[in-house]
Amino acid sequence: MDKVKLKKSGELYIPKNLTKILNIEVGDRLNIFLEGKKIVLTSKAGFEKENKCTYNQKGTIHIPAEIRKLSNINTNAVFTITIDEKEKRVCLMPDLTG
């Protein structure tokens, strides 16, 4: 399973294999929301009321401060990535083991 680390700035690097699953390119907007303790990323339509983030040239997205606060994560948090290819979404679960 892939793991990613949140930077101090709130940025998170999205591995290339996930960009293919999410079907995103630089400049595309992603929906980002909480589902229990998971942070969910999806490019799927139907989430107009959710937070948005932009996939940028550095291969990162910015996790909004309110999502970080609600999920009780801080900088340098490590996430385990799970993939739901059927729903075209990526779930980030805080990894308490680091």
C-alpha atoms as a PDB file:
ATOM      1  CA  MET A   1       0.000   0.000   0.000  1.00  0.00           C
ATOM      2  CA  ASP A   2       1.189   3.508  -0.803  1.00  0.00           C
ATOM      3  CA  LYS A   3       1.765   6.091   1.898  1.00  0.00           C
ATOM      4  CA  VAL A   4       2.003   9.857   1.548  1.00  0.00           C
ATOM      5  CA  LYS A   5       3.134  12.563   3.959  1.00  0.00           C
ATOM      6  CA  LEU A   6       1.479  15.929   4.502  1.00  0.00           C
ATOM      7  CA  LYS A   7       3.869  18.867   4.217  1.00  0.00           C
ATOM      8  CA  LYS A   8       3.879  21.788   6.656  1.00  0.00           C
ATOM      9  CA  SER A   9       2.123  23.905   4.034  1.00  0.00           C
ATOM     10  CA  GLY A  10      -0.802  21.452   3.914  1.00  0.00           C
ATOM     11  CA  GLU A  11       0.302  20.098   0.536  1.00  0.00           C
ATOM     12  CA  LEU A  12       0.133  16.430  -0.290  1.00  0.00           C
ATOM     13  CA  TYR A  13       1.974  14.750  -3.162  1.00  0.00           C
ATOM     14  CA  ILE A  14      -0.300  12.601  -5.335  1.00  0.00           C
ATOM     15  CA  PRO A  15       1.563   9.591  -6.792  1.00  0.00           C
ATOM     16  CA  LYS A  16       1.296   9.178 -10.573  1.00  0.00           C
ATOM     17  CA  ASN A  17      -0.682   5.927 -10.357  1.00  0.00           C
ATOM     18  CA  LEU A  18      -3.415   7.791  -8.449  1.00  0.00           C
ATOM     19  CA  THR A  19      -3.686  10.528 -11.058  1.00  0.00           C
ATOM     20  CA  LYS A  20      -4.585   7.823 -13.568  1.00  0.00           C
ATOM     21  CA  ILE A  21      -7.259   6.357 -11.291  1.00  0.00           C
ATOM     22  CA  LEU A  22      -8.708   9.807 -10.585  1.00  0.00           C
ATOM     23  CA  ASN A  23      -8.323  10.720 -14.276  1.00  0.00           C
ATOM     24  CA  ILE A  24      -6.759  14.100 -13.468  1.00  0.00           C
ATOM     25  CA  GLU A  25      -4.214  16.385 -15.078  1.00  0.00           C
ATOM     26  CA  VAL A  26      -2.518  19.578 -13.940  1.00  0.00           C
ATOM     27  CA  GLY A  27      -5.122  22.274 -13.287  1.00  0.00           C
ATOM     28  CA  ASP A  28      -8.012  19.858 -12.701  1.00  0.00           C
ATOM     29  CA  ARG A  29     -10.194  20.382  -9.645  1.00  0.00           C
ATOM     30  CA  LEU A  30     -10.786  17.579  -7.158  1.00  0.00           C
ATOM     31  CA  ASN A  31     -13.577  17.193  -4.652  1.00  0.00           C
ATOM     32  CA  ILE A  32     -12.252  16.641  -1.145  1.00  0.00           C
ATOM     33  CA  PHE A  33     -14.330  15.640   1.856  1.00  0.00           C
ATOM     34  CA  LEU A  34     -14.330  13.651   5.073  1.00  0.00           C
ATOM     35  CA  GLU A  35     -15.959  10.249   5.381  1.00  0.00           C
ATOM     36  CA  GLY A  36     -15.532   9.156   8.965  1.00  0.00           C
ATOM     37  CA  LYS A  37     -11.793   9.372   9.622  1.00  0.00           C
ATOM     38  CA  LYS A  38     -10.874   9.166   5.933  1.00  0.00           C
ATOM     39  CA  ILE A  39     -10.129  12.076   3.639  1.00  0.00           C
ATOM     40  CA  VAL A  40     -11.694  11.293   0.266  1.00  0.00           C
ATOM     41  CA  LEU A  41     -10.494  12.648  -3.082  1.00  0.00           C
ATOM     42  CA  THR A  42     -12.563  12.267  -6.229  1.00  0.00           C
ATOM     43  CA  SER A  43     -12.925  13.926  -9.592  1.00  0.00           C
ATOM     44  CA  LYS A  44     -16.391  12.413 -10.001  1.00  0.00           C
ATOM     45  CA  ALA A  45     -19.336  14.749 -10.623  1.00  0.00           C
ATOM     46  CA  GLY A  46     -22.039  15.176  -8.002  1.00  0.00           C
ATOM     47  CA  PHE A  47     -20.003  16.682  -5.184  1.00  0.00           C
ATOM     48  CA  GLU A  48     -20.631  20.354  -5.898  1.00  0.00           C
ATOM     49  CA  LYS A  49     -21.115  21.206  -2.215  1.00  0.00           C
ATOM     50  CA  GLU A  50     -17.809  19.654  -1.159  1.00  0.00           C
ATOM     51  CA  ASN A  51     -14.446  21.377  -0.764  1.00  0.00           C
ATOM     52  CA  LYS A  52     -12.327  21.649  -3.874  1.00  0.00           C
ATOM     53  CA  CYS A  53      -8.592  21.523  -4.444  1.00  0.00           C
ATOM     54  CA  THR A  54      -6.518  21.894  -7.603  1.00  0.00           C
ATOM     55  CA  TYR A  55      -3.960  19.363  -8.812  1.00  0.00           C
ATOM     56  CA  ASN A  56      -0.893  21.491  -9.565  1.00  0.00           C
ATOM     57  CA  GLN A  57       2.310  21.247 -11.605  1.00  0.00           C
ATOM     58  CA  LYS A  58       4.312  19.996  -8.623  1.00  0.00           C
ATOM     59  CA  GLY A  59       2.060  16.928  -8.465  1.00  0.00           C
ATOM     60  CA  THR A  60       0.449  18.090  -5.235  1.00  0.00           C
ATOM     61  CA  ILE A  61      -2.889  19.187  -3.864  1.00  0.00           C
ATOM     62  CA  HIS A  62      -3.567  21.411  -0.870  1.00  0.00           C
ATOM     63  CA  ILE A  63      -5.658  19.871   1.921  1.00  0.00           C
ATOM     64  CA  PRO A  64      -7.917  22.720   3.141  1.00  0.00           C
ATOM     65  CA  ALA A  65      -7.334  23.878   6.719  1.00  0.00           C
ATOM     66  CA  GLU A  66     -10.906  23.028   7.746  1.00  0.00           C
ATOM     67  CA  ILE A  67     -10.459  19.419   6.574  1.00  0.00           C
ATOM     68  CA  ARG A  68      -7.159  19.175   8.484  1.00  0.00           C
ATOM     69  CA  LYS A  69      -8.804  20.596  11.588  1.00  0.00           C
ATOM     70  CA  LEU A  70     -11.916  18.388  11.396  1.00  0.00           C
ATOM     71  CA  SER A  71      -9.842  15.264  10.841  1.00  0.00           C
ATOM     72  CA  ASN A  72      -7.516  16.271  13.690  1.00  0.00           C
ATOM     73  CA  ILE A  73      -4.344  15.961  11.624  1.00  0.00           C
ATOM     74  CA  ASN A  74      -1.324  18.185  11.757  1.00  0.00           C
ATOM     75  CA  THR A  75       1.655  18.799   9.540  1.00  0.00           C
ATOM     76  CA  ASN A  76       3.870  15.856   8.720  1.00  0.00           C
ATOM     77  CA  ALA A  77       0.939  13.437   9.123  1.00  0.00           C
ATOM     78  CA  VAL A  78       1.348  10.214   7.169  1.00  0.00           C
ATOM     79  CA  PHE A  79      -1.573   8.669   5.299  1.00  0.00           C
ATOM     80  CA  THR A  80      -2.182   5.189   4.010  1.00  0.00           C
ATOM     81  CA  ILE A  81      -3.824   5.289   0.595  1.00  0.00           C
ATOM     82  CA  THR A  82      -6.740   3.079  -0.349  1.00  0.00           C
ATOM     83  CA  ILE A  83      -8.205   3.069  -3.817  1.00  0.00           C
ATOM     84  CA  ASP A  84     -11.797   2.578  -4.897  1.00  0.00           C
ATOM     85  CA  GLU A  85     -11.453   2.221  -8.676  1.00  0.00           C
ATOM     86  CA  LYS A  86     -15.159   1.508  -9.164  1.00  0.00           C
ATOM     87  CA  GLU A  87     -16.125   4.819  -7.556  1.00  0.00           C
ATOM     88  CA  LYS A  88     -13.062   6.626  -8.967  1.00  0.00           C
ATOM     89  CA  ARG A  89     -11.928   7.859  -5.591  1.00  0.00           C
ATOM     90  CA  VAL A  90      -8.898   7.752  -3.347  1.00  0.00           C
ATOM     91  CA  CYS A  91      -9.151   7.545   0.436  1.00  0.00           C
ATOM     92  CA  LEU A  92      -6.434   8.834   2.746  1.00  0.00           C
ATOM     93  CA  MET A  93      -6.449   7.264   6.195  1.00  0.00           C
ATOM     94  CA  PRO A  94      -4.200   8.783   8.874  1.00  0.00           C
ATOM     95  CA  ASP A  95      -1.485   6.226   9.636  1.00  0.00           C
ATOM     96  CA  LEU A  96      -0.881   6.244  13.370  1.00  0.00           C
ATOM     97  CA  THR A  97       2.165   3.995  13.039  1.00  0.00           C
ATOM     98  CA  GLY A  98       3.990   6.660  10.954  1.00  0.00           C
END
